[in-house]
């Protein structure tokens, strides 16, 4: 069993109960999925970071249009802080590669109240299934 966790970076293990199972907990990692139909948006990952801390994120994002066998994806890097509400600092950097028909799609890191969100935007006339994995660290 792998359990995504939040907060600080690291790996911890435990042996719950008397079984032969080992629980591995990964901190600073989370994942999510979503679907866009047409040029709509979907929030695929939402995190509420610790208050009065800064954070740095790296997200890997992949989208696939199964009906047309086409893809979009890449990496998103961003920083921010939380003091009651989240502020994204600077402009997140991204690499984006896509089949030509999906080149109008995109993704970004946005602030939404006390959360930061990885938001994807689809392409008119296309259904895209999205997946993302986010690694993040917070200040001590």
N, C-alpha and C. Protein backbone atom coordinates (compact mmCIF):
# COMPACT_ATOMS: atom_id res chain seq x y z
N UNK A 1 0.85 -1.18 0.00
CA UNK A 1 0.00 0.00 0.00
C UNK A 1 0.89 1.23 0.00
N UNK A 2 0.69 2.14 -0.94
CA UNK A 2 1.41 3.41 -0.98
C UNK A 2 0.38 4.51 -0.72
N UNK A 3 0.63 5.35 0.26
CA UNK A 3 -0.29 6.40 0.65
C UNK A 3 0.32 7.76 0.35
N UNK A 4 -0.27 8.55 -0.61
CA UNK A 4 0.22 9.90 -0.80
C UNK A 4 -0.02 10.72 0.47
N UNK A 5 0.95 11.52 0.84
CA UNK A 5 0.82 12.36 2.02
C UNK A 5 1.06 13.81 1.65
N UNK A 6 1.15 14.66 2.63
CA UNK A 6 1.37 16.07 2.35
C UNK A 6 2.26 16.68 3.40
N UNK A 7 2.70 17.90 3.15
CA UNK A 7 3.46 18.64 4.15
C UNK A 7 4.93 18.67 3.84
N UNK A 8 5.71 17.80 4.42
CA UNK A 8 7.15 17.82 4.24
C UNK A 8 7.58 16.68 3.36
N UNK A 9 8.83 16.70 2.92
CA UNK A 9 9.33 15.64 2.05
C UNK A 9 9.90 14.51 2.87
N UNK A 10 9.72 13.30 2.42
CA UNK A 10 10.30 12.16 3.08
C UNK A 10 9.48 10.91 2.87
N UNK A 11 10.05 9.80 3.34
CA UNK A 11 9.39 8.50 3.26
C UNK A 11 9.41 7.91 4.65
N UNK A 12 8.27 7.38 5.09
CA UNK A 12 8.24 6.68 6.36
C UNK A 12 7.57 5.33 6.15
N UNK A 13 7.95 4.36 6.97
CA UNK A 13 7.37 3.03 6.88
C UNK A 13 6.86 2.62 8.25
N UNK A 14 5.87 1.73 8.26
CA UNK A 14 5.36 1.16 9.50
C UNK A 14 4.76 -0.19 9.18
N UNK A 15 4.61 -1.00 10.22
CA UNK A 15 4.00 -2.32 10.08
C UNK A 15 2.73 -2.33 10.93
N UNK A 16 1.60 -1.88 10.35
CA UNK A 16 0.37 -1.81 11.12
C UNK A 16 -0.16 -3.20 11.46
N UNK A 17 -0.65 -3.35 12.68
CA UNK A 17 -1.23 -4.63 13.09
C UNK A 17 -0.20 -5.74 13.14
N UNK A 18 -0.69 -6.95 13.08
CA UNK A 18 0.21 -8.10 13.18
C UNK A 18 0.38 -8.82 11.86
N UNK A 19 0.00 -8.19 10.76
CA UNK A 19 0.12 -8.83 9.45
C UNK A 19 1.53 -8.67 8.91
N UNK A 20 1.77 -9.24 7.76
CA UNK A 20 3.06 -9.11 7.08
C UNK A 20 3.07 -7.92 6.13
N UNK A 21 2.16 -6.99 6.31
CA UNK A 21 2.04 -5.82 5.44
C UNK A 21 2.91 -4.69 5.97
N UNK A 22 3.63 -4.02 5.06
CA UNK A 22 4.40 -2.83 5.40
C UNK A 22 3.72 -1.65 4.72
N UNK A 23 3.42 -0.63 5.49
CA UNK A 23 2.81 0.59 4.96
C UNK A 23 3.92 1.58 4.67
N UNK A 24 3.96 2.09 3.42
CA UNK A 24 4.94 3.09 3.01
C UNK A 24 4.18 4.40 2.79
N UNK A 25 4.58 5.45 3.49
CA UNK A 25 3.94 6.75 3.36
C UNK A 25 4.92 7.72 2.72
N UNK A 26 4.52 8.31 1.61
CA UNK A 26 5.34 9.29 0.90
C UNK A 26 4.81 10.67 1.23
N UNK A 27 5.64 11.53 1.78
CA UNK A 27 5.24 12.90 2.08
C UNK A 27 5.65 13.80 0.92
N UNK A 28 4.88 14.86 0.71
CA UNK A 28 5.22 15.81 -0.33
C UNK A 28 4.90 15.31 -1.72
N UNK A 29 3.97 14.38 -1.83
CA UNK A 29 3.61 13.79 -3.11
C UNK A 29 2.10 13.62 -3.15
N UNK A 30 1.49 13.90 -4.26
CA UNK A 30 0.07 13.61 -4.45
C UNK A 30 -0.21 13.46 -5.94
N UNK A 31 -1.35 12.90 -6.27
CA UNK A 31 -1.70 12.66 -7.66
C UNK A 31 -3.20 12.91 -7.84
N UNK A 32 -3.61 13.10 -9.08
CA UNK A 32 -5.03 13.29 -9.36
C UNK A 32 -5.33 13.11 -10.83
N UNK A 33 -6.61 13.05 -11.15
CA UNK A 33 -7.06 12.86 -12.53
C UNK A 33 -8.27 13.76 -12.79
N UNK A 34 -8.60 13.91 -14.06
CA UNK A 34 -9.79 14.66 -14.46
C UNK A 34 -10.00 14.52 -15.95
N UNK A 35 -11.14 14.98 -16.42
CA UNK A 35 -11.49 14.91 -17.84
C UNK A 35 -12.01 16.27 -18.29
N UNK A 36 -11.57 16.70 -19.47
CA UNK A 36 -12.14 17.89 -20.10
C UNK A 36 -12.89 17.46 -21.35
N UNK A 37 -14.06 18.03 -21.54
CA UNK A 37 -14.85 17.80 -22.74
C UNK A 37 -14.96 19.15 -23.42
N UNK A 38 -14.28 19.29 -24.56
CA UNK A 38 -14.20 20.57 -25.23
C UNK A 38 -13.18 21.47 -24.53
N UNK A 39 -13.30 22.77 -24.74
CA UNK A 39 -12.34 23.73 -24.20
C UNK A 39 -12.72 24.15 -22.78
N UNK A 40 -13.00 23.16 -21.93
CA UNK A 40 -13.36 23.40 -20.53
C UNK A 40 -12.13 23.22 -19.65
N UNK A 41 -12.27 23.56 -18.37
CA UNK A 41 -11.17 23.35 -17.43
C UNK A 41 -11.54 22.25 -16.44
N UNK A 42 -10.51 21.65 -15.85
CA UNK A 42 -10.68 20.67 -14.78
C UNK A 42 -9.53 20.86 -13.79
N UNK A 43 -9.85 20.84 -12.52
CA UNK A 43 -8.83 20.90 -11.47
C UNK A 43 -8.44 19.46 -11.14
N UNK A 44 -7.21 19.07 -11.51
CA UNK A 44 -6.83 17.67 -11.33
C UNK A 44 -6.11 17.42 -10.01
N UNK A 45 -5.52 18.47 -9.40
CA UNK A 45 -4.87 18.34 -8.10
C UNK A 45 -5.14 19.60 -7.30
N UNK A 46 -5.58 19.45 -6.06
CA UNK A 46 -5.79 20.58 -5.15
C UNK A 46 -5.07 20.29 -3.85
N UNK A 47 -4.26 21.24 -3.39
CA UNK A 47 -3.50 21.10 -2.14
C UNK A 47 -3.73 22.34 -1.27
N UNK A 48 -3.92 22.12 0.02
CA UNK A 48 -3.97 23.21 0.98
C UNK A 48 -2.66 23.17 1.78
N UNK A 49 -1.68 23.99 1.39
CA UNK A 49 -0.39 23.94 2.09
C UNK A 49 -0.50 24.49 3.51
N UNK A 50 0.51 24.24 4.30
CA UNK A 50 0.57 24.72 5.67
C UNK A 50 0.63 26.24 5.68
N UNK A 51 -0.14 26.85 6.60
CA UNK A 51 -0.17 28.30 6.70
C UNK A 51 1.19 28.84 7.15
N UNK A 52 1.53 30.04 6.71
CA UNK A 52 2.77 30.74 7.04
C UNK A 52 4.01 29.95 6.59
N UNK A 53 3.91 29.35 5.41
CA UNK A 53 5.01 28.61 4.80
C UNK A 53 5.08 28.97 3.31
N UNK A 54 6.26 28.73 2.74
CA UNK A 54 6.40 28.84 1.29
C UNK A 54 6.43 27.41 0.73
N UNK A 55 6.21 27.30 -0.57
CA UNK A 55 6.24 25.98 -1.19
C UNK A 55 6.82 26.07 -2.59
N UNK A 56 7.34 24.96 -3.04
CA UNK A 56 7.84 24.81 -4.40
C UNK A 56 7.27 23.51 -4.95
N UNK A 57 6.77 23.54 -6.18
CA UNK A 57 6.13 22.34 -6.74
C UNK A 57 6.74 21.97 -8.09
N UNK A 58 6.64 20.68 -8.37
CA UNK A 58 6.96 20.12 -9.68
C UNK A 58 5.81 19.18 -10.02
N UNK A 59 5.13 19.43 -11.12
CA UNK A 59 4.02 18.57 -11.53
C UNK A 59 4.31 17.98 -12.89
N UNK A 60 4.06 16.69 -13.03
CA UNK A 60 4.11 16.00 -14.32
C UNK A 60 2.67 15.76 -14.74
N UNK A 61 2.34 16.13 -15.98
CA UNK A 61 0.96 16.09 -16.43
C UNK A 61 0.89 15.37 -17.78
N UNK A 62 -0.10 14.48 -17.90
CA UNK A 62 -0.31 13.76 -19.15
C UNK A 62 -1.80 13.77 -19.48
N UNK A 63 -2.12 14.07 -20.72
CA UNK A 63 -3.50 14.02 -21.20
C UNK A 63 -3.57 13.15 -22.45
N UNK A 64 -4.70 12.44 -22.60
CA UNK A 64 -4.85 11.53 -23.74
C UNK A 64 -6.26 11.60 -24.29
N UNK A 65 -6.35 11.80 -25.59
CA UNK A 65 -7.62 11.78 -26.32
C UNK A 65 -7.73 10.39 -26.93
N UNK A 66 -8.48 9.49 -26.28
CA UNK A 66 -8.54 8.10 -26.72
C UNK A 66 -9.23 7.95 -28.08
N UNK A 67 -10.21 8.79 -28.37
CA UNK A 67 -10.94 8.66 -29.63
C UNK A 67 -10.06 8.95 -30.84
N UNK A 68 -9.02 9.77 -30.65
CA UNK A 68 -8.16 10.17 -31.76
C UNK A 68 -6.71 9.75 -31.59
N UNK A 69 -6.42 9.00 -30.52
CA UNK A 69 -5.06 8.52 -30.25
C UNK A 69 -4.04 9.66 -30.27
N UNK A 70 -4.36 10.73 -29.48
CA UNK A 70 -3.47 11.89 -29.44
C UNK A 70 -3.19 12.28 -27.99
N UNK A 71 -2.02 12.92 -27.76
CA UNK A 71 -1.59 13.23 -26.40
C UNK A 71 -1.18 14.68 -26.23
N UNK A 72 -1.16 15.08 -24.95
CA UNK A 72 -0.63 16.37 -24.52
C UNK A 72 -0.01 16.14 -23.15
N UNK A 73 1.11 16.79 -22.86
CA UNK A 73 1.70 16.60 -21.54
C UNK A 73 3.00 17.35 -21.38
N UNK A 74 3.52 17.27 -20.16
CA UNK A 74 4.78 17.93 -19.85
C UNK A 74 4.96 18.14 -18.37
N UNK A 75 5.67 19.22 -18.03
CA UNK A 75 6.05 19.51 -16.65
C UNK A 75 5.68 20.95 -16.30
N UNK A 76 5.32 21.15 -15.04
CA UNK A 76 4.94 22.46 -14.52
C UNK A 76 5.74 22.70 -13.24
N UNK A 77 6.41 23.86 -13.14
CA UNK A 77 7.19 24.23 -11.96
C UNK A 77 6.67 25.55 -11.43
N UNK A 78 6.47 25.63 -10.11
CA UNK A 78 5.97 26.87 -9.54
C UNK A 78 6.32 27.03 -8.08
N UNK A 79 6.18 28.26 -7.59
CA UNK A 79 6.45 28.56 -6.19
C UNK A 79 5.34 29.45 -5.65
N UNK A 80 5.22 29.46 -4.33
CA UNK A 80 4.22 30.32 -3.72
C UNK A 80 4.36 30.34 -2.21
N UNK A 81 3.40 30.99 -1.58
CA UNK A 81 3.37 31.06 -0.11
C UNK A 81 1.91 31.08 0.33
N UNK A 82 1.72 30.75 1.61
CA UNK A 82 0.38 30.80 2.18
C UNK A 82 0.41 31.59 3.47
N UNK A 83 -0.39 32.63 3.50
CA UNK A 83 -0.61 33.41 4.70
C UNK A 83 -2.12 33.65 4.76
N UNK A 84 -2.84 32.62 5.20
CA UNK A 84 -4.30 32.63 5.14
C UNK A 84 -4.78 32.20 3.77
N UNK A 85 -4.38 32.92 2.73
CA UNK A 85 -4.68 32.53 1.36
C UNK A 85 -3.36 32.24 0.63
N UNK A 86 -3.45 31.52 -0.44
CA UNK A 86 -2.28 31.15 -1.24
C UNK A 86 -1.99 32.24 -2.26
N UNK A 87 -0.72 32.56 -2.43
CA UNK A 87 -0.25 33.44 -3.50
C UNK A 87 0.77 32.69 -4.33
N UNK A 88 0.59 32.67 -5.63
CA UNK A 88 1.58 32.10 -6.54
C UNK A 88 2.59 33.22 -6.81
N UNK A 89 3.88 32.91 -6.65
CA UNK A 89 4.92 33.91 -6.82
C UNK A 89 5.55 33.73 -8.20
N UNK A 90 5.58 34.80 -8.97
CA UNK A 90 6.14 34.74 -10.31
C UNK A 90 5.19 34.01 -11.26
N UNK A 91 5.72 33.68 -12.41
CA UNK A 91 4.96 32.94 -13.42
C UNK A 91 5.46 31.50 -13.45
N UNK A 92 4.58 30.52 -13.20
CA UNK A 92 5.03 29.13 -13.26
C UNK A 92 5.65 28.81 -14.62
N UNK A 93 6.72 28.01 -14.58
CA UNK A 93 7.38 27.56 -15.81
C UNK A 93 6.75 26.25 -16.25
N UNK A 94 6.65 26.07 -17.56
CA UNK A 94 6.11 24.80 -18.04
C UNK A 94 6.75 24.40 -19.35
N UNK A 95 6.83 23.10 -19.51
CA UNK A 95 7.13 22.52 -20.81
C UNK A 95 5.84 21.83 -21.25
N UNK A 96 5.50 21.97 -22.50
CA UNK A 96 4.27 21.40 -23.01
C UNK A 96 4.54 20.83 -24.40
N UNK A 97 4.25 19.57 -24.55
CA UNK A 97 4.35 18.89 -25.85
C UNK A 97 2.99 18.30 -26.16
N UNK A 98 2.60 18.32 -27.42
CA UNK A 98 1.29 17.80 -27.79
C UNK A 98 1.24 17.44 -29.27
N UNK A 99 0.37 16.48 -29.60
CA UNK A 99 0.04 16.29 -31.00
C UNK A 99 -0.59 17.59 -31.49
N UNK A 100 -0.43 17.89 -32.76
CA UNK A 100 -0.86 19.18 -33.31
C UNK A 100 -2.31 19.52 -32.97
N UNK A 101 -3.22 18.56 -33.04
CA UNK A 101 -4.63 18.83 -32.80
C UNK A 101 -4.93 19.18 -31.34
N UNK A 102 -4.03 18.85 -30.41
CA UNK A 102 -4.23 19.16 -29.00
C UNK A 102 -3.36 20.32 -28.53
N UNK A 103 -2.65 20.97 -29.45
CA UNK A 103 -1.71 22.02 -29.07
C UNK A 103 -2.39 23.23 -28.43
N UNK A 104 -3.70 23.36 -28.56
CA UNK A 104 -4.43 24.45 -27.92
C UNK A 104 -4.73 24.20 -26.45
N UNK A 105 -4.50 22.98 -25.98
CA UNK A 105 -4.72 22.67 -24.57
C UNK A 105 -3.57 23.21 -23.73
N UNK A 106 -3.80 23.31 -22.42
CA UNK A 106 -2.75 23.82 -21.55
C UNK A 106 -3.00 23.39 -20.11
N UNK A 107 -2.09 23.77 -19.23
CA UNK A 107 -2.24 23.55 -17.79
C UNK A 107 -1.49 24.64 -17.06
N UNK A 108 -1.89 24.86 -15.79
CA UNK A 108 -1.28 25.93 -15.02
C UNK A 108 -1.45 25.68 -13.54
N UNK A 109 -0.69 26.42 -12.75
CA UNK A 109 -0.78 26.42 -11.30
C UNK A 109 -1.53 27.69 -10.92
N UNK A 110 -2.63 27.55 -10.19
CA UNK A 110 -3.43 28.71 -9.81
C UNK A 110 -3.69 28.72 -8.31
N UNK A 111 -3.88 29.93 -7.77
CA UNK A 111 -4.26 30.10 -6.37
C UNK A 111 -5.78 30.14 -6.30
N UNK A 112 -6.34 29.44 -5.31
CA UNK A 112 -7.78 29.43 -5.11
C UNK A 112 -8.06 29.46 -3.61
N UNK A 113 -8.15 30.65 -3.05
CA UNK A 113 -8.36 30.79 -1.60
C UNK A 113 -7.17 30.25 -0.83
N UNK A 114 -7.40 29.27 0.03
CA UNK A 114 -6.35 28.67 0.86
C UNK A 114 -5.65 27.51 0.16
N UNK A 115 -5.94 27.29 -1.13
CA UNK A 115 -5.39 26.14 -1.87
C UNK A 115 -4.59 26.60 -3.08
N UNK A 116 -3.70 25.70 -3.53
CA UNK A 116 -3.17 25.85 -4.88
C UNK A 116 -3.68 24.67 -5.68
N UNK A 117 -3.89 24.91 -6.98
CA UNK A 117 -4.57 23.98 -7.85
C UNK A 117 -3.78 23.80 -9.13
N UNK A 118 -3.68 22.56 -9.60
CA UNK A 118 -3.19 22.29 -10.95
C UNK A 118 -4.45 22.19 -11.83
N UNK A 119 -4.59 23.16 -12.73
CA UNK A 119 -5.79 23.27 -13.57
C UNK A 119 -5.41 23.01 -15.02
N UNK A 120 -6.17 22.15 -15.69
CA UNK A 120 -5.94 21.83 -17.10
C UNK A 120 -7.06 22.42 -17.93
N UNK A 121 -6.75 22.74 -19.19
CA UNK A 121 -7.74 23.27 -20.13
C UNK A 121 -7.71 22.42 -21.38
N UNK A 122 -8.87 21.95 -21.79
CA UNK A 122 -8.99 21.08 -22.95
C UNK A 122 -9.06 21.82 -24.26
N UNK A 123 -9.46 21.11 -25.31
CA UNK A 123 -9.49 21.62 -26.68
C UNK A 123 -10.90 21.41 -27.24
N UNK A 124 -11.42 22.41 -27.94
CA UNK A 124 -12.75 22.32 -28.54
C UNK A 124 -12.89 21.04 -29.38
N UNK A 125 -14.00 20.36 -29.19
CA UNK A 125 -14.29 19.16 -29.98
C UNK A 125 -13.54 17.91 -29.53
N UNK A 126 -12.81 17.98 -28.43
CA UNK A 126 -12.02 16.83 -27.96
C UNK A 126 -12.35 16.50 -26.51
N UNK A 127 -12.30 15.22 -26.19
CA UNK A 127 -12.39 14.75 -24.81
C UNK A 127 -11.01 14.26 -24.41
N UNK A 128 -10.46 14.86 -23.37
CA UNK A 128 -9.11 14.51 -22.92
C UNK A 128 -9.18 14.01 -21.48
N UNK A 129 -8.62 12.84 -21.25
CA UNK A 129 -8.46 12.30 -19.89
C UNK A 129 -7.08 12.71 -19.40
N UNK A 130 -7.04 13.39 -18.24
CA UNK A 130 -5.81 13.95 -17.70
C UNK A 130 -5.39 13.22 -16.43
N UNK A 131 -4.09 13.18 -16.23
CA UNK A 131 -3.53 12.64 -15.00
C UNK A 131 -2.35 13.53 -14.61
N UNK A 132 -2.16 13.72 -13.31
CA UNK A 132 -1.03 14.51 -12.85
C UNK A 132 -0.43 13.94 -11.58
N UNK A 133 0.85 14.13 -11.43
CA UNK A 133 1.55 13.75 -10.19
C UNK A 133 2.33 14.97 -9.75
N UNK A 134 2.22 15.33 -8.48
CA UNK A 134 2.81 16.55 -7.97
C UNK A 134 3.76 16.23 -6.82
N UNK A 135 4.97 16.72 -6.94
CA UNK A 135 5.95 16.66 -5.85
C UNK A 135 6.07 18.08 -5.31
N UNK A 136 6.10 18.22 -3.97
CA UNK A 136 6.23 19.56 -3.44
C UNK A 136 6.98 19.54 -2.10
N UNK A 137 7.59 20.67 -1.82
CA UNK A 137 8.28 20.86 -0.53
C UNK A 137 7.80 22.17 0.05
N UNK A 138 7.82 22.25 1.38
CA UNK A 138 7.47 23.49 2.07
C UNK A 138 8.66 23.94 2.90
N UNK A 139 8.66 25.23 3.20
CA UNK A 139 9.74 25.76 4.05
C UNK A 139 9.59 25.18 5.46
N UNK A 140 10.71 25.17 6.21
CA UNK A 140 10.62 24.60 7.58
C UNK A 140 9.77 25.45 8.51
